[in-house]
Amino acid sequence: MTSEDNGRAGSGSDDLLVVNQLVKHFPASRGVVLRRATGHVRAVDGISFTMRRGETLGLVGETGCGKSTTGRMLAGFLPATSGQVTFDGTDLEQARREDGNRLHREIQMIFQDPYSALNPRHTVGTIIGAPFRYQKITPPGGIRNRVSELLEQVGLSPEHYNRHPADFSGGQRQRICLARAIALSPKLIIADEPVSALDVSIQAQIINLLSDLRDQQGMAYLFIAHDLSVVRHISDRVAVMYLGKIVELADNEQLYSRPRHPYTRALLSAVPDPDPAVRKERLELTGEPPSPLDPPSGCRFRTRCWKAQEICQTEPPLAGEDSSHQVACHFPEVA
């Protein structure tokens, strides 16, 4: 199955989100006054994947690989340059034009920094109740009762209703953000580095809370992160991005036990193992990632890859004999 086939696999009822050749290029300019265009930053350069209902897909990669840009496009904060996204059987852009409010109800986003994501002038009750007022929805029992229930769901007290964000720690603020995100029972939550700004001890609590809420409400997560050890604990499948491309897409267990792309192998080799008896060979990547203004031809990873040969100047498709494990590499590891 190729990446294009994967992007068209949305006819089944289990498919919630189908992304086909999604592209986002930002114009790059030079000069303070004239701002002459000098090229384009290829932040996301033709990615395809499918998400099933209730699934958690981890999207990982180095800083600048395009994973957050992908999340912001799917959430509606950025327009795509090209490509097609189907959500719940409907073209996403068409649905936003015809009924944007429905999309706001069904797709929510959690941001990396819980400190800047909350208005410091508003109370917790106002923040969590905002989606109901924006959508002109009155839940059974009223907004205040529903907000109190949401606070309890995320491990906070209903007594926090009239407090302000400044009264809470980072972990508690992220719980408030989560309560706001799940208020309207969305089908998809895009979580952009939701725990990277938190202490390690708090990270585990938030990850467990996300897992519990997914099991209770059946929502799907696109979990964006750079920490593979965090992604491992919550994801059903994992997509690895490098310089605007998905280079490997596999079930969680397969990716962590049998990574096939050299880049994925290098990332996993850098993850520390809690068992001091386990010794892993660290794969050091030479050089810096190329600029997205002028990415290498063919395989984006070839300039840092120890397996690179002449054929790597031709771009490899994201494919595999097993549809549950796809890799974009001319010389993948043997499964």
C-alpha atoms as a PDB file:
ATOM      1  CA  MET A   1       0.000   0.000   0.000  1.00  0.00           C
ATOM      2  CA  THR A   2       1.416   3.392  -0.968  1.00  0.00           C
ATOM      3  CA  SER A   3       0.930   6.656   0.917  1.00  0.00           C
ATOM      4  CA  GLU A   4      -1.537   7.796  -1.757  1.00  0.00           C
ATOM      5  CA  ASP A   5      -3.568   4.615  -1.338  1.00  0.00           C
ATOM      6  CA  ASN A   6      -3.440   5.133   2.407  1.00  0.00           C
ATOM      7  CA  GLY A   7      -4.848   8.624   1.986  1.00  0.00           C
ATOM      8  CA  ARG A   8      -7.788   7.285  -0.044  1.00  0.00           C
ATOM      9  CA  ALA A   9      -8.724   4.593   2.410  1.00  0.00           C
ATOM     10  CA  GLY A  10     -11.481   6.667   3.938  1.00  0.00           C
ATOM     11  CA  SER A  11     -14.523   4.870   2.557  1.00  0.00           C
ATOM     12  CA  GLY A  12     -14.799   2.558   5.566  1.00  0.00           C
ATOM     13  CA  SER A  13     -17.053   3.581   8.461  1.00  0.00           C
ATOM     14  CA  ASP A  14     -14.199   3.203  10.957  1.00  0.00           C
ATOM     15  CA  ASP A  15     -12.179   5.990   9.318  1.00  0.00           C
ATOM     16  CA  LEU A  16     -12.576   9.313  11.105  1.00  0.00           C
ATOM     17  CA  LEU A  17      -9.811  11.366   9.472  1.00  0.00           C
ATOM     18  CA  VAL A  18      -8.240  10.791   6.054  1.00  0.00           C
ATOM     19  CA  VAL A  19      -5.322  13.018   5.048  1.00  0.00           C
ATOM     20  CA  ASN A  20      -4.208  12.860   1.418  1.00  0.00           C
ATOM     21  CA  GLN A  21      -1.072  14.646   0.157  1.00  0.00           C
ATOM     22  CA  LEU A  22      -1.376  17.533   2.606  1.00  0.00           C
ATOM     23  CA  VAL A  23       1.015  20.427   1.877  1.00  0.00           C
ATOM     24  CA  LYS A  24       1.846  23.661   3.680  1.00  0.00           C
ATOM     25  CA  HIS A  25       4.441  26.040   2.227  1.00  0.00           C
ATOM     26  CA  PHE A  26       5.208  29.390   3.860  1.00  0.00           C
ATOM     27  CA  PRO A  27       6.590  32.186   1.662  1.00  0.00           C
ATOM     28  CA  ALA A  28      10.082  33.314   2.665  1.00  0.00           C
ATOM     29  CA  SER A  29      10.978  36.937   2.028  1.00  0.00           C
ATOM     30  CA  ARG A  30      13.971  39.234   2.335  1.00  0.00           C
ATOM     31  CA  GLY A  31      14.181  42.946   3.025  1.00  0.00           C
ATOM     32  CA  VAL A  32      12.468  45.143   5.593  1.00  0.00           C
ATOM     33  CA  VAL A  33      10.601  47.396   3.169  1.00  0.00           C
ATOM     34  CA  LEU A  34      10.126  45.552  -0.113  1.00  0.00           C
ATOM     35  CA  ARG A  35       9.819  42.055   1.430  1.00  0.00           C
ATOM     36  CA  ARG A  36      10.811  40.334  -1.797  1.00  0.00           C
ATOM     37  CA  ALA A  37       9.901  36.654  -1.995  1.00  0.00           C
ATOM     38  CA  THR A  38      12.980  34.435  -2.030  1.00  0.00           C
ATOM     39  CA  GLY A  39      11.373  31.005  -1.899  1.00  0.00           C
ATOM     40  CA  HIS A  40       9.107  28.862   0.227  1.00  0.00           C
ATOM     41  CA  VAL A  41       9.572  27.038   3.514  1.00  0.00           C
ATOM     42  CA  ARG A  42       8.260  23.530   2.895  1.00  0.00           C
ATOM     43  CA  ALA A  43       6.966  22.910   6.390  1.00  0.00           C
ATOM     44  CA  VAL A  44       4.684  20.039   5.342  1.00  0.00           C
ATOM     45  CA  ASP A  45       5.357  18.585   1.915  1.00  0.00           C
ATOM     46  CA  GLY A  46       2.814  15.950   0.941  1.00  0.00           C
ATOM     47  CA  ILE A  47       1.813  13.694   3.827  1.00  0.00           C
ATOM     48  CA  SER A  48      -0.945  11.075   3.884  1.00  0.00           C
ATOM     49  CA  PHE A  49      -2.393   9.056   6.739  1.00  0.00           C
ATOM     50  CA  THR A  50      -5.674   7.756   8.111  1.00  0.00           C
ATOM     51  CA  MET A  51      -7.036   7.835  11.660  1.00  0.00           C
ATOM     52  CA  ARG A  52      -9.705   5.493  12.917  1.00  0.00           C
ATOM     53  CA  ARG A  53     -12.435   6.420  15.381  1.00  0.00           C
ATOM     54  CA  GLY A  54     -11.240   6.252  18.966  1.00  0.00           C
ATOM     55  CA  GLU A  55      -7.616   5.787  17.884  1.00  0.00           C
ATOM     56  CA  THR A  56      -4.572   7.598  19.225  1.00  0.00           C
ATOM     57  CA  LEU A  57      -1.996   8.366  16.536  1.00  0.00           C
ATOM     58  CA  GLY A  58       1.353   9.666  17.737  1.00  0.00           C
ATOM     59  CA  LEU A  59       3.103  12.148  15.437  1.00  0.00           C
ATOM     60  CA  VAL A  60       6.789  12.464  16.337  1.00  0.00           C
ATOM     61  CA  GLY A  61       9.968  14.029  15.004  1.00  0.00           C
ATOM     62  CA  GLU A  62      12.628  16.646  15.631  1.00  0.00           C
ATOM     63  CA  THR A  63      11.774  20.308  16.156  1.00  0.00           C
ATOM     64  CA  GLY A  64      10.919  21.896  12.811  1.00  0.00           C
ATOM     65  CA  CYS A  65       9.830  18.694  11.070  1.00  0.00           C
ATOM     66  CA  GLY A  66       6.292  20.007  10.469  1.00  0.00           C
ATOM     67  CA  LYS A  67       4.306  18.075  13.058  1.00  0.00           C
ATOM     68  CA  SER A  68       2.816  21.126  14.820  1.00  0.00           C
ATOM     69  CA  THR A  69       2.010  22.751  11.464  1.00  0.00           C
ATOM     70  CA  THR A  70       0.125  19.584  10.542  1.00  0.00           C
ATOM     71  CA  GLY A  71      -1.903  19.776  13.741  1.00  0.00           C
ATOM     72  CA  ARG A  72      -2.731  23.441  13.235  1.00  0.00           C
ATOM     73  CA  MET A  73      -3.928  22.814   9.688  1.00  0.00           C
ATOM     74  CA  LEU A  74      -6.205  19.994  10.811  1.00  0.00           C
ATOM     75  CA  ALA A  75      -7.566  22.154  13.650  1.00  0.00           C
ATOM     76  CA  GLY A  76      -8.321  24.999  11.248  1.00  0.00           C
ATOM     77  CA  PHE A  77      -5.760  27.521  12.510  1.00  0.00           C
ATOM     78  CA  LEU A  78      -3.765  27.401   9.260  1.00  0.00           C
ATOM     79  CA  PRO A  79      -4.997  26.997   5.677  1.00  0.00           C
ATOM     80  CA  ALA A  80      -3.407  24.205   3.672  1.00  0.00           C
ATOM     81  CA  THR A  81      -1.454  25.034   0.510  1.00  0.00           C
ATOM     82  CA  SER A  82      -2.847  21.922  -1.165  1.00  0.00           C
ATOM     83  CA  GLY A  83      -4.088  18.433  -0.436  1.00  0.00           C
ATOM     84  CA  GLN A  84      -7.343  16.984   0.791  1.00  0.00           C
ATOM     85  CA  VAL A  85      -8.567  16.147   4.291  1.00  0.00           C
ATOM     86  CA  THR A  86     -11.750  14.172   4.888  1.00  0.00           C
ATOM     87  CA  PHE A  87     -13.257  14.263   8.368  1.00  0.00           C
ATOM     88  CA  ASP A  88     -16.109  11.925   9.261  1.00  0.00           C
ATOM     89  CA  GLY A  89     -16.843  11.356   5.570  1.00  0.00           C
ATOM     90  CA  THR A  90     -16.918  15.064   4.621  1.00  0.00           C
ATOM     91  CA  ASP A  91     -14.290  17.237   2.943  1.00  0.00           C
ATOM     92  CA  LEU A  92     -12.835  19.298   5.798  1.00  0.00           C
ATOM     93  CA  GLU A  93     -12.522  22.610   3.953  1.00  0.00           C
ATOM     94  CA  GLN A  94     -16.020  22.328   2.528  1.00  0.00           C
ATOM     95  CA  ALA A  95     -17.406  21.504   5.967  1.00  0.00           C
ATOM     96  CA  ARG A  96     -15.668  24.542   7.483  1.00  0.00           C
ATOM     97  CA  ARG A  97     -17.202  26.816   4.845  1.00  0.00           C
ATOM     98  CA  GLU A  98     -20.691  25.379   5.235  1.00  0.00           C
ATOM     99  CA  ASP A  99     -20.849  24.755   8.990  1.00  0.00           C
ATOM    100  CA  GLY A 100     -17.750  25.897  10.836  1.00  0.00           C
ATOM    101  CA  ASN A 101     -19.472  25.665  14.205  1.00  0.00           C
ATOM    102  CA  ARG A 102     -19.956  21.906  13.812  1.00  0.00           C
ATOM    103  CA  LEU A 103     -16.253  21.469  13.155  1.00  0.00           C
ATOM    104  CA  HIS A 104     -15.421  23.476  16.279  1.00  0.00           C
ATOM    105  CA  ARG A 105     -17.583  21.092  18.266  1.00  0.00           C
ATOM    106  CA  GLU A 106     -16.060  17.963  16.795  1.00  0.00           C
ATOM    107  CA  ILE A 107     -12.361  18.944  16.535  1.00  0.00           C
ATOM    108  CA  GLN A 108     -10.615  20.503  19.529  1.00  0.00           C
ATOM    109  CA  MET A 109      -6.966  21.313  20.263  1.00  0.00           C
ATOM    110  CA  ILE A 110      -4.793  21.256  23.370  1.00  0.00           C
ATOM    111  CA  PHE A 111      -1.711  23.460  23.237  1.00  0.00           C
ATOM    112  CA  GLN A 112       1.790  22.974  24.583  1.00  0.00           C
ATOM    113  CA  ASP A 113       1.908  25.878  27.028  1.00  0.00           C
ATOM    114  CA  PRO A 114      -0.923  25.811  29.586  1.00  0.00           C
ATOM    115  CA  TYR A 115       0.195  29.207  30.893  1.00  0.00           C
ATOM    116  CA  SER A 116      -0.486  31.113  27.670  1.00  0.00           C
ATOM    117  CA  ALA A 117      -3.506  28.992  26.652  1.00  0.00           C
ATOM    118  CA  LEU A 118      -5.725  30.379  29.429  1.00  0.00           C
ATOM    119  CA  ASN A 119      -6.936  33.978  29.743  1.00  0.00           C
ATOM    120  CA  PRO A 120      -5.615  35.148  33.136  1.00  0.00           C
ATOM    121  CA  ARG A 121      -8.546  37.549  33.579  1.00  0.00           C
ATOM    122  CA  HIS A 122     -11.211  34.869  33.337  1.00  0.00           C
ATOM    123  CA  THR A 123     -12.280  32.425  36.005  1.00  0.00           C
ATOM    124  CA  VAL A 124     -12.036  28.683  35.507  1.00  0.00           C
ATOM    125  CA  GLY A 125     -15.813  28.497  35.207  1.00  0.00           C
ATOM    126  CA  THR A 126     -15.849  31.101  32.432  1.00  0.00           C
ATOM    127  CA  ILE A 127     -12.989  29.380  30.557  1.00  0.00           C
ATOM    128  CA  ILE A 128     -14.484  25.871  30.613  1.00  0.00           C
ATOM    129  CA  GLY A 129     -18.007  27.154  29.970  1.00  0.00           C
ATOM    130  CA  ALA A 130     -16.944  29.210  26.937  1.00  0.00           C
ATOM    131  CA  PRO A 131     -17.589  26.439  24.358  1.00  0.00           C
ATOM    132  CA  PHE A 132     -21.224  26.167  25.484  1.00  0.00           C
ATOM    133  CA  ARG A 133     -21.770  29.914  25.210  1.00  0.00           C
ATOM    134  CA  TYR A 134     -19.970  30.139  21.866  1.00  0.00           C
ATOM    135  CA  GLN A 135     -22.059  27.309  20.408  1.00  0.00           C
ATOM    136  CA  LYS A 136     -25.252  28.571  22.101  1.00  0.00           C
ATOM    137  CA  ILE A 137     -25.714  25.207  23.834  1.00  0.00           C
ATOM    138  CA  THR A 138     -27.335  24.797  27.230  1.00  0.00           C
ATOM    139  CA  PRO A 139     -26.464  21.389  28.696  1.00  0.00           C
ATOM    140  CA  PRO A 140     -28.949  19.560  30.944  1.00  0.00           C
ATOM    141  CA  GLY A 141     -28.759  21.099  34.397  1.00  0.00           C
ATOM    142  CA  GLY A 142     -27.145  24.281  33.118  1.00  0.00           C
ATOM    143  CA  ILE A 143     -23.612  25.346  32.244  1.00  0.00           C
ATOM    144  CA  ARG A 144     -22.409  25.672  35.834  1.00  0.00           C
ATOM    145  CA  ASN A 145     -23.393  22.096  36.725  1.00  0.00           C
ATOM    146  CA  ARG A 146     -21.774  20.745  33.561  1.00  0.00           C
ATOM    147  CA  VAL A 147     -18.554  22.688  34.246  1.00  0.00           C
ATOM    148  CA  SER A 148     -18.479  21.242  37.767  1.00  0.00           C
ATOM    149  CA  GLU A 149     -18.804  17.749  36.307  1.00  0.00           C
ATOM    150  CA  LEU A 150     -15.967  18.447  33.853  1.00  0.00           C
ATOM    151  CA  LEU A 151     -13.730  19.673  36.662  1.00  0.00           C
ATOM    152  CA  GLU A 152     -14.300  16.408  38.506  1.00  0.00           C
ATOM    153  CA  GLN A 153     -13.621  14.419  35.327  1.00  0.00           C
ATOM    154  CA  VAL A 154     -10.155  15.949  34.979  1.00  0.00           C
ATOM    155  CA  GLY A 155      -9.296  15.536  38.662  1.00  0.00           C
ATOM    156  CA  LEU A 156     -10.062  19.032  39.928  1.00  0.00           C
ATOM    157  CA  SER A 157     -12.617  20.227  42.469  1.00  0.00           C
ATOM    158  CA  PRO A 158     -15.873  21.991  41.565  1.00  0.00           C
ATOM    159  CA  GLU A 159     -14.829  24.509  44.236  1.00  0.00           C
ATOM    160  CA  HIS A 160     -12.247  25.788  41.727  1.00  0.00           C
ATOM    161  CA  TYR A 161     -15.037  27.266  39.600  1.00  0.00           C
ATOM    162  CA  ASN A 162     -14.462  30.902  40.641  1.00  0.00           C
ATOM    163  CA  ARG A 163     -10.665  30.808  40.789  1.00  0.00           C
ATOM    164  CA  HIS A 164      -8.289  32.262  38.188  1.00  0.00           C
ATOM    165  CA  PRO A 165      -5.506  30.458  36.274  1.00  0.00           C
ATOM    166  CA  ALA A 166      -2.827  32.153  38.398  1.00  0.00           C
ATOM    167  CA  ASP A 167      -4.014  30.069  41.355  1.00  0.00           C
ATOM    168  CA  PHE A 168      -3.007  26.802  39.684  1.00  0.00           C
ATOM    169  CA  SER A 169       0.157  24.887  38.857  1.00  0.00           C
ATOM    170  CA  GLY A 170       1.156  23.973  35.293  1.00  0.00           C
ATOM    171  CA  GLY A 171      -0.317  20.485  35.576  1.00  0.00           C
ATOM    172  CA  GLN A 172      -3.585  21.835  36.953  1.00  0.00           C
ATOM    173  CA  ARG A 173      -3.775  24.411  34.169  1.00  0.00           C
ATOM    174  CA  GLN A 174      -3.358  21.683  31.580  1.00  0.00           C
ATOM    175  CA  ARG A 175      -6.246  19.832  33.242  1.00  0.00           C
ATOM    176  CA  ILE A 176      -8.343  22.986  32.834  1.00  0.00           C
ATOM    177  CA  CYS A 177      -7.367  23.121  29.144  1.00  0.00           C
ATOM    178  CA  LEU A 178      -8.384  19.477  28.801  1.00  0.00           C
ATOM    179  CA  ALA A 179     -11.738  20.084  30.489  1.00  0.00           C
ATOM    180  CA  ARG A 180     -12.423  22.897  28.026  1.00  0.00           C
ATOM    181  CA  ALA A 181     -11.417  20.663  25.092  1.00  0.00           C
ATOM    182  CA  ILE A 182     -13.739  17.795  26.038  1.00  0.00           C
ATOM    183  CA  ALA A 183     -16.685  20.002  27.045  1.00  0.00           C
ATOM    184  CA  LEU A 184     -18.620  19.413  23.804  1.00  0.00           C
ATOM    185  CA  SER A 185     -17.608  15.730  23.480  1.00  0.00           C
ATOM    186  CA  PRO A 186     -15.492  16.142  20.312  1.00  0.00           C
ATOM    187  CA  LYS A 187     -14.651  13.254  18.020  1.00  0.00           C
ATOM    188  CA  LEU A 188     -11.016  14.328  17.611  1.00  0.00           C
ATOM    189  CA  ILE A 189      -8.590  16.104  19.925  1.00  0.00           C
ATOM    190  CA  ILE A 190      -5.314  17.391  18.514  1.00  0.00           C
ATOM    191  CA  ALA A 191      -2.836  17.464  21.394  1.00  0.00           C
ATOM    192  CA  ASP A 192       0.233  19.526  20.450  1.00  0.00           C
ATOM    193  CA  GLU A 193       3.054  18.677  22.883  1.00  0.00           C
ATOM    194  CA  PRO A 194       0.543  18.650  25.785  1.00  0.00           C
ATOM    195  CA  VAL A 195       3.030  17.508  28.442  1.00  0.00           C
ATOM    196  CA  SER A 196       6.412  18.808  27.285  1.00  0.00           C
ATOM    197  CA  ALA A 197       6.148  21.945  29.463  1.00  0.00           C
ATOM    198  CA  LEU A 198       5.368  19.909  32.598  1.00  0.00           C
ATOM    199  CA  ASP A 199       7.499  18.137  35.189  1.00  0.00           C
ATOM    200  CA  VAL A 200       8.100  14.440  34.537  1.00  0.00           C
ATOM    201  CA  SER A 201       5.973  13.388  37.530  1.00  0.00           C
ATOM    202  CA  ILE A 202       3.065  15.500  36.262  1.00  0.00           C
ATOM    203  CA  GLN A 203       3.480  14.231  32.690  1.00  0.00           C
ATOM    204  CA  ALA A 204       2.505  10.710  33.757  1.00  0.00           C
ATOM    205  CA  GLN A 205      -0.640  12.004  35.454  1.00  0.00           C
ATOM    206  CA  ILE A 206      -1.768  13.900  32.353  1.00  0.00           C
ATOM    207  CA  ILE A 207      -1.007  10.950  30.046  1.00  0.00           C
ATOM    208  CA  ASN A 208      -3.053   8.635  32.286  1.00  0.00           C
ATOM    209  CA  LEU A 209      -5.884  11.167  32.359  1.00  0.00           C
ATOM    210  CA  LEU A 210      -5.886  11.433  28.551  1.00  0.00           C
ATOM    211  CA  SER A 211      -6.027   7.638  28.277  1.00  0.00           C
ATOM    212  CA  ASP A 212      -8.900   7.392  30.752  1.00  0.00           C
ATOM    213  CA  LEU A 213     -10.932  10.076  28.979  1.00  0.00           C
ATOM    214  CA  ARG A 214     -10.356   8.388  25.620  1.00  0.00           C
ATOM    215  CA  ASP A 215     -11.638   5.093  27.015  1.00  0.00           C
ATOM    216  CA  GLN A 216     -14.664   6.771  28.607  1.00  0.00           C
ATOM    217  CA  GLN A 217     -15.708   8.981  25.700  1.00  0.00           C
ATOM    218  CA  GLY A 218     -14.323   7.169  22.651  1.00  0.00           C
ATOM    219  CA  MET A 219     -12.631  10.237  21.196  1.00  0.00           C
ATOM    220  CA  ALA A 220      -9.575  10.046  18.941  1.00  0.00           C
ATOM    221  CA  TYR A 221      -6.265  11.794  19.629  1.00  0.00           C
ATOM    222  CA  LEU A 222      -3.610  13.094  17.286  1.00  0.00           C
ATOM    223  CA  PHE A 223      -0.821  13.210  19.872  1.00  0.00           C
ATOM    224  CA  ILE A 224       2.052  15.428  18.685  1.00  0.00           C
ATOM    225  CA  ALA A 225       5.350  15.113  20.567  1.00  0.00           C
ATOM    226  CA  HIS A 226       9.113  14.879  20.216  1.00  0.00           C
ATOM    227  CA  ASP A 227       9.549  12.511  23.173  1.00  0.00           C
ATOM    228  CA  LEU A 228       9.169   8.940  21.913  1.00  0.00           C
ATOM    229  CA  SER A 229       9.011   7.491  25.425  1.00  0.00           C
ATOM    230  CA  VAL A 230       5.896   9.585  26.138  1.00  0.00           C
ATOM    231  CA  VAL A 231       4.248   8.678  22.818  1.00  0.00           C
ATOM    232  CA  ARG A 232       4.826   4.980  23.476  1.00  0.00           C
ATOM    233  CA  HIS A 233       2.528   4.981  26.510  1.00  0.00           C
ATOM    234  CA  ILE A 234      -0.531   6.455  24.819  1.00  0.00           C
ATOM    235  CA  SER A 235      -0.446   5.752  21.073  1.00  0.00           C
ATOM    236  CA  ASP A 236      -2.013   2.907  19.097  1.00  0.00           C
ATOM    237  CA  ARG A 237       0.060   3.836  16.028  1.00  0.00           C
ATOM    238  CA  VAL A 238       2.992   6.167  15.473  1.00  0.00           C
ATOM    239  CA  ALA A 239       3.935   8.310  12.459  1.00  0.00           C
ATOM    240  CA  VAL A 240       7.532   9.579  12.302  1.00  0.00           C
ATOM    241  CA  MET A 241       8.120  12.867  10.464  1.00  0.00           C
ATOM    242  CA  TYR A 242      11.358  14.236   9.046  1.00  0.00           C
ATOM    243  CA  LEU A 243      11.613  17.563   7.220  1.00  0.00           C
ATOM    244  CA  GLY A 244       7.977  17.741   6.159  1.00  0.00           C
ATOM    245  CA  LYS A 245       7.574  14.062   5.240  1.00  0.00           C
ATOM    246  CA  ILE A 246       6.285  10.968   7.028  1.00  0.00           C
ATOM    247  CA  VAL A 247       9.124   8.459   6.845  1.00  0.00           C
ATOM    248  CA  GLU A 248       7.586   5.622   8.884  1.00  0.00           C
ATOM    249  CA  LEU A 249       4.069   4.726  10.012  1.00  0.00           C
ATOM    250  CA  ALA A 250       3.454   1.635  12.111  1.00  0.00           C
ATOM    251  CA  ASP A 251       1.568   0.057  14.971  1.00  0.00           C
ATOM    252  CA  ASN A 252       3.039   1.063  18.312  1.00  0.00           C
ATOM    253  CA  GLU A 253       4.567  -2.302  19.193  1.00  0.00           C
ATOM    254  CA  GLN A 254       6.040  -2.837  15.720  1.00  0.00           C
ATOM    255  CA  LEU A 255       7.640   0.582  15.538  1.00  0.00           C
ATOM    256  CA  TYR A 256       9.324   0.367  18.934  1.00  0.00           C
ATOM    257  CA  SER A 257      10.434  -3.252  18.639  1.00  0.00           C
ATOM    258  CA  ARG A 258      11.317  -3.337  14.916  1.00  0.00           C
ATOM    259  CA  PRO A 259      11.948   0.181  13.523  1.00  0.00           C
ATOM    260  CA  ARG A 260      12.669  -0.010   9.789  1.00  0.00           C
ATOM    261  CA  HIS A 261      13.679   3.514   8.816  1.00  0.00           C
ATOM    262  CA  PRO A 262      17.240   4.647   9.685  1.00  0.00           C
ATOM    263  CA  TYR A 263      15.907   7.907  11.133  1.00  0.00           C
ATOM    264  CA  THR A 264      13.487   6.077  13.423  1.00  0.00           C
ATOM    265  CA  ARG A 265      16.303   3.804  14.553  1.00  0.00           C
ATOM    266  CA  ALA A 266      18.433   6.828  15.387  1.00  0.00           C
ATOM    267  CA  LEU A 267      15.624   8.463  17.367  1.00  0.00           C
ATOM    268  CA  LEU A 268      14.934   5.320  19.371  1.00  0.00           C
ATOM    269  CA  SER A 269      18.615   4.748  20.074  1.00  0.00           C
ATOM    270  CA  ALA A 270      18.683   8.102  21.878  1.00  0.00           C
ATOM    271  CA  VAL A 271      15.820   7.199  24.245  1.00  0.00           C
ATOM    272  CA  PRO A 272      17.299   6.196  27.643  1.00  0.00           C
ATOM    273  CA  ASP A 273      16.309   2.790  29.004  1.00  0.00           C
ATOM    274  CA  PRO A 274      15.282   2.640  32.689  1.00  0.00           C
ATOM    275  CA  ASP A 275      17.060  -0.701  33.053  1.00  0.00           C
ATOM    276  CA  PRO A 276      20.783   0.018  33.657  1.00  0.00           C
ATOM    277  CA  ALA A 277      21.619  -3.501  32.453  1.00  0.00           C
ATOM    278  CA  VAL A 278      20.341  -2.700  28.961  1.00  0.00           C
ATOM    279  CA  ARG A 279      23.066  -1.303  26.727  1.00  0.00           C
ATOM    280  CA  LYS A 280      21.950   0.219  23.441  1.00  0.00           C
ATOM    281  CA  GLU A 281      24.096   1.225  20.523  1.00  0.00           C
ATOM    282  CA  ARG A 282      23.720   4.986  20.109  1.00  0.00           C
ATOM    283  CA  LEU A 283      23.387   5.970  16.450  1.00  0.00           C
ATOM    284  CA  GLU A 284      24.936   9.412  16.031  1.00  0.00           C
ATOM    285  CA  LEU A 285      23.587  11.462  13.141  1.00  0.00           C
ATOM    286  CA  THR A 286      26.177  13.609  11.396  1.00  0.00           C
ATOM    287  CA  GLY A 287      25.468  17.194  10.447  1.00  0.00           C
ATOM    288  CA  GLU A 288      22.406  19.352  10.991  1.00  0.00           C
ATOM    289  CA  PRO A 289      18.959  18.806   9.462  1.00  0.00           C
ATOM    290  CA  PRO A 290      18.770  20.498   6.032  1.00  0.00           C
ATOM    291  CA  SER A 291      16.827  23.707   5.666  1.00  0.00           C
ATOM    292  CA  PRO A 292      13.149  23.345   4.700  1.00  0.00           C
ATOM    293  CA  LEU A 293      13.824  26.253   2.322  1.00  0.00           C
ATOM    294  CA  ASP A 294      16.014  23.972   0.227  1.00  0.00           C
ATOM    295  CA  PRO A 295      15.464  20.330   1.175  1.00  0.00           C
ATOM    296  CA  PRO A 296      17.528  17.578  -0.472  1.00  0.00           C
ATOM    297  CA  SER A 297      16.176  15.935  -3.603  1.00  0.00           C
ATOM    298  CA  GLY A 298      14.781  12.441  -3.259  1.00  0.00           C
ATOM    299  CA  CYS A 299      14.906  11.092   0.276  1.00  0.00           C
ATOM    300  CA  ARG A 300      15.039  14.013   2.706  1.00  0.00           C
ATOM    301  CA  PHE A 301      17.172  11.997   5.129  1.00  0.00           C
ATOM    302  CA  ARG A 302      19.867  10.916   2.678  1.00  0.00           C
ATOM    303  CA  THR A 303      22.327  13.700   3.623  1.00  0.00           C
ATOM    304  CA  ARG A 304      22.554  12.290   7.165  1.00  0.00           C
ATOM    305  CA  CYS A 305      21.967   8.601   6.467  1.00  0.00           C
ATOM    306  CA  TRP A 306      24.704   5.956   6.692  1.00  0.00           C
ATOM    307  CA  LYS A 307      22.844   3.812   4.132  1.00  0.00           C
ATOM    308  CA  ALA A 308      22.528   6.465   1.429  1.00  0.00           C
ATOM    309  CA  GLN A 309      23.316   5.492  -2.160  1.00  0.00           C
ATOM    310  CA  GLU A 310      22.692   7.031  -5.571  1.00  0.00           C
ATOM    311  CA  ILE A 311      19.145   5.698  -5.771  1.00  0.00           C
ATOM    312  CA  CYS A 312      18.289   7.740  -2.667  1.00  0.00           C
ATOM    313  CA  GLN A 313      18.207  10.837  -4.881  1.00  0.00           C
ATOM    314  CA  THR A 314      14.849   9.427  -6.004  1.00  0.00           C
ATOM    315  CA  GLU A 315      12.138   9.882  -3.395  1.00  0.00           C
ATOM    316  CA  PRO A 316      10.976   6.548  -1.900  1.00  0.00           C
ATOM    317  CA  PRO A 317       7.215   6.089  -1.428  1.00  0.00           C
ATOM    318  CA  LEU A 318       5.706   5.396   1.978  1.00  0.00           C
ATOM    319  CA  ALA A 319       4.867   1.733   1.455  1.00  0.00           C
ATOM    320  CA  GLY A 320       5.201  -1.766   2.848  1.00  0.00           C
ATOM    321  CA  GLU A 321       4.172  -5.360   2.310  1.00  0.00           C
ATOM    322  CA  ASP A 322       2.270  -5.145   5.582  1.00  0.00           C
ATOM    323  CA  SER A 323      -0.198  -2.230   5.665  1.00  0.00           C
ATOM    324  CA  SER A 324       0.302  -1.962   9.436  1.00  0.00           C
ATOM    325  CA  HIS A 325       3.961  -1.013   8.930  1.00  0.00           C
ATOM    326  CA  GLN A 326       4.933   1.404   6.171  1.00  0.00           C
ATOM    327  CA  VAL A 327       8.333   2.947   5.565  1.00  0.00           C
ATOM    328  CA  ALA A 328       9.724   5.463   3.051  1.00  0.00           C
ATOM    329  CA  CYS A 329      13.200   4.082   2.471  1.00  0.00           C
ATOM    330  CA  HIS A 330      15.044   2.324  -0.369  1.00  0.00           C
ATOM    331  CA  PHE A 331      17.044   0.288   2.156  1.00  0.00           C
ATOM    332  CA  PRO A 332      14.748  -0.365   5.149  1.00  0.00           C
ATOM    333  CA  GLU A 333      15.693  -2.703   7.950  1.00  0.00           C
ATOM    334  CA  VAL A 334      14.383  -6.228   7.552  1.00  0.00           C
ATOM    335  CA  ALA A 335      11.114  -6.616   9.453  1.00  0.00           C
END
